[in-house]
C-alpha atoms as a PDB file:
ATOM      1  CA  UNK A   1     -19.789   8.669  21.165  1.00  0.00           C
ATOM      2  CA  UNK A   2     -21.873   5.554  20.926  1.00  0.00           C
ATOM      3  CA  UNK A   3     -20.593   2.962  18.453  1.00  0.00           C
ATOM      4  CA  UNK A   4     -17.113   4.469  18.103  1.00  0.00           C
ATOM      5  CA  UNK A   5     -14.372   1.809  18.127  1.00  0.00           C
ATOM      6  CA  UNK A   6     -11.038   3.398  17.115  1.00  0.00           C
ATOM      7  CA  UNK A   7      -9.471   5.893  14.668  1.00  0.00           C
ATOM      8  CA  UNK A   8      -8.696   3.056  12.222  1.00  0.00           C
ATOM      9  CA  UNK A   9      -5.305   4.261  11.020  1.00  0.00           C
ATOM     10  CA  UNK A  10      -3.890   0.913  12.227  1.00  0.00           C
ATOM     11  CA  UNK A  11      -6.068  -2.199  12.216  1.00  0.00           C
ATOM     12  CA  UNK A  12      -5.569  -5.938  12.654  1.00  0.00           C
ATOM     13  CA  UNK A  13      -6.075  -7.981   9.486  1.00  0.00           C
ATOM     14  CA  UNK A  14      -5.425 -11.586   8.434  1.00  0.00           C
ATOM     15  CA  UNK A  15      -2.356 -11.662   6.174  1.00  0.00           C
ATOM     16  CA  UNK A  16      -3.502 -12.773   2.689  1.00  0.00           C
ATOM     17  CA  UNK A  17       0.061 -14.019   2.041  1.00  0.00           C
ATOM     18  CA  UNK A  18       3.280 -14.067   4.074  1.00  0.00           C
ATOM     19  CA  UNK A  19       4.360 -10.476   4.769  1.00  0.00           C
ATOM     20  CA  UNK A  20       7.320  -8.708   6.338  1.00  0.00           C
ATOM     21  CA  UNK A  21       7.294  -5.333   8.065  1.00  0.00           C
ATOM     22  CA  UNK A  22       6.781  -2.649   5.425  1.00  0.00           C
ATOM     23  CA  UNK A  23       5.116  -4.908   2.854  1.00  0.00           C
ATOM     24  CA  UNK A  24       1.862  -3.829   1.259  1.00  0.00           C
ATOM     25  CA  UNK A  25      -1.158  -6.092   1.583  1.00  0.00           C
ATOM     26  CA  UNK A  26      -4.671  -6.107   0.225  1.00  0.00           C
ATOM     27  CA  UNK A  27      -7.545  -7.746   2.117  1.00  0.00           C
ATOM     28  CA  UNK A  28     -10.751  -7.337   0.161  1.00  0.00           C
ATOM     29  CA  UNK A  29     -11.015  -3.578  -0.396  1.00  0.00           C
ATOM     30  CA  UNK A  30      -8.645  -2.679   2.481  1.00  0.00           C
ATOM     31  CA  UNK A  31      -5.035  -1.833   1.578  1.00  0.00           C
ATOM     32  CA  UNK A  32      -2.362  -1.255   4.161  1.00  0.00           C
ATOM     33  CA  UNK A  33       1.235  -1.741   5.207  1.00  0.00           C
ATOM     34  CA  UNK A  34       2.248  -4.582   7.523  1.00  0.00           C
ATOM     35  CA  UNK A  35       3.853  -3.221  10.705  1.00  0.00           C
ATOM     36  CA  UNK A  36       5.462  -6.598  11.418  1.00  0.00           C
ATOM     37  CA  UNK A  37       5.991 -10.009   9.864  1.00  0.00           C
ATOM     38  CA  UNK A  38       3.192 -12.553   9.576  1.00  0.00           C
ATOM     39  CA  UNK A  39       2.591 -15.914   7.953  1.00  0.00           C
ATOM     40  CA  UNK A  40      -0.345 -16.387   5.587  1.00  0.00           C
ATOM     41  CA  UNK A  41      -3.673 -16.080   7.465  1.00  0.00           C
ATOM     42  CA  UNK A  42      -1.951 -14.899  10.663  1.00  0.00           C
ATOM     43  CA  UNK A  43      -3.100 -11.607  12.154  1.00  0.00           C
ATOM     44  CA  UNK A  44      -0.927  -8.589  11.384  1.00  0.00           C
ATOM     45  CA  UNK A  45      -1.191  -4.974  12.501  1.00  0.00           C
ATOM     46  CA  UNK A  46      -1.713  -2.933   9.342  1.00  0.00           C
ATOM     47  CA  UNK A  47      -1.181   0.787   8.756  1.00  0.00           C
ATOM     48  CA  UNK A  48      -3.951   2.219   6.561  1.00  0.00           C
ATOM     49  CA  UNK A  49      -3.099   5.958   6.541  1.00  0.00           C
ATOM     50  CA  UNK A  50      -0.015   8.120   6.219  1.00  0.00           C
ATOM     51  CA  UNK A  51       2.930   8.509   3.840  1.00  0.00           C
ATOM     52  CA  UNK A  52       4.935   5.340   3.211  1.00  0.00           C
ATOM     53  CA  UNK A  53       7.688   4.071   0.941  1.00  0.00           C
ATOM     54  CA  UNK A  54       6.625   1.163  -1.260  1.00  0.00           C
ATOM     55  CA  UNK A  55       8.284  -1.024  -3.837  1.00  0.00           C
ATOM     56  CA  UNK A  56       7.109   0.173  -7.233  1.00  0.00           C
ATOM     57  CA  UNK A  57       7.109  -1.080 -10.761  1.00  0.00           C
ATOM     58  CA  UNK A  58      10.578  -0.470 -12.267  1.00  0.00           C
ATOM     59  CA  UNK A  59      11.003   1.756 -15.339  1.00  0.00           C
ATOM     60  CA  UNK A  60       7.876   3.730 -14.398  1.00  0.00           C
ATOM     61  CA  UNK A  61       8.103   7.469 -13.708  1.00  0.00           C
ATOM     62  CA  UNK A  62       5.854   9.039 -11.066  1.00  0.00           C
ATOM     63  CA  UNK A  63       4.812  12.675 -10.822  1.00  0.00           C
ATOM     64  CA  UNK A  64       3.752  14.320  -7.567  1.00  0.00           C
ATOM     65  CA  UNK A  65       0.034  13.751  -7.130  1.00  0.00           C
ATOM     66  CA  UNK A  66      -0.146  10.808  -9.553  1.00  0.00           C
ATOM     67  CA  UNK A  67      -2.740   8.213  -8.595  1.00  0.00           C
ATOM     68  CA  UNK A  68      -1.053   5.099  -7.303  1.00  0.00           C
ATOM     69  CA  UNK A  69      -2.547   1.624  -7.501  1.00  0.00           C
ATOM     70  CA  UNK A  70      -1.654  -1.699  -5.902  1.00  0.00           C
ATOM     71  CA  UNK A  71      -0.868  -4.575  -8.271  1.00  0.00           C
ATOM     72  CA  UNK A  72      -1.713  -7.476  -5.973  1.00  0.00           C
ATOM     73  CA  UNK A  73      -0.343 -10.108  -8.378  1.00  0.00           C
ATOM     74  CA  UNK A  74       3.114  -8.462  -8.515  1.00  0.00           C
ATOM     75  CA  UNK A  75       2.765  -6.953  -5.008  1.00  0.00           C
ATOM     76  CA  UNK A  76       3.993  -3.580  -6.274  1.00  0.00           C
ATOM     77  CA  UNK A  77       2.730  -0.011  -6.427  1.00  0.00           C
ATOM     78  CA  UNK A  78       2.045   1.232  -9.941  1.00  0.00           C
ATOM     79  CA  UNK A  79       0.405   3.997 -11.958  1.00  0.00           C
ATOM     80  CA  UNK A  80      -1.331   1.399 -14.152  1.00  0.00           C
ATOM     81  CA  UNK A  81      -5.073   1.253 -13.520  1.00  0.00           C
ATOM     82  CA  UNK A  82      -6.018  -2.088 -15.192  1.00  0.00           C
ATOM     83  CA  UNK A  83      -7.582  -4.297 -12.504  1.00  0.00           C
ATOM     84  CA  UNK A  84      -5.425  -2.768  -9.763  1.00  0.00           C
ATOM     85  CA  UNK A  85      -6.699  -1.112  -6.555  1.00  0.00           C
ATOM     86  CA  UNK A  86      -6.351   2.645  -5.975  1.00  0.00           C
ATOM     87  CA  UNK A  87      -4.325   3.132  -2.769  1.00  0.00           C
ATOM     88  CA  UNK A  88      -3.307   6.805  -2.785  1.00  0.00           C
ATOM     89  CA  UNK A  89      -1.139   9.419  -4.494  1.00  0.00           C
ATOM     90  CA  UNK A  90       2.588   9.907  -5.064  1.00  0.00           C
ATOM     91  CA  UNK A  91       4.128  12.531  -2.768  1.00  0.00           C
ATOM     92  CA  UNK A  92       7.471  12.841  -4.576  1.00  0.00           C
ATOM     93  CA  UNK A  93       8.540  12.487  -8.195  1.00  0.00           C
ATOM     94  CA  UNK A  94      10.328   9.271  -9.136  1.00  0.00           C
ATOM     95  CA  UNK A  95      12.463   8.834 -12.247  1.00  0.00           C
ATOM     96  CA  UNK A  96      11.558   6.072 -14.673  1.00  0.00           C
ATOM     97  CA  UNK A  97      14.846   4.159 -14.644  1.00  0.00           C
ATOM     98  CA  UNK A  98      15.131   0.410 -14.204  1.00  0.00           C
ATOM     99  CA  UNK A  99      16.687   0.960 -10.760  1.00  0.00           C
ATOM    100  CA  UNK A 100      13.986   3.384  -9.563  1.00  0.00           C
ATOM    101  CA  UNK A 101      11.990   0.835  -7.575  1.00  0.00           C
ATOM    102  CA  UNK A 102      10.893   2.784  -4.469  1.00  0.00           C
ATOM    103  CA  UNK A 103       8.223   5.481  -4.323  1.00  0.00           C
ATOM    104  CA  UNK A 104       6.510   7.487  -1.602  1.00  0.00           C
ATOM    105  CA  UNK A 105       2.738   7.224  -1.396  1.00  0.00           C
ATOM    106  CA  UNK A 106       0.169   9.005   0.737  1.00  0.00           C
ATOM    107  CA  UNK A 107      -2.252   6.204   1.493  1.00  0.00           C
ATOM    108  CA  UNK A 108      -5.840   7.013   0.667  1.00  0.00           C
ATOM    109  CA  UNK A 109      -7.317   5.402   3.779  1.00  0.00           C
ATOM    110  CA  UNK A 110     -10.825   5.718   2.298  1.00  0.00           C
ATOM    111  CA  UNK A 111     -12.631   4.847  -0.905  1.00  0.00           C
END
């Protein structure tokens, strides 16, 4: 097919801040997960689709199918809309305890 480049489920992006493998990052309207470590402004391979575990806001319960947003200031996944960016949906329930800080998210991959 003319014009086709790649599937796009992993793309190379400039790291907007220092990241480690598994960290979420937001570049403009593109959210993804770093597949390796990178310094600020260095290129990093970024996963944009699939189900991933992300650090989440503590003391926040998630239901299956809940919309999940990225809080770029705190660099956490959250259910709070505010000025955060929609990144996908929760795939498992998470309790709302202070120690419940990891959640599984199916990345949206599109807008």
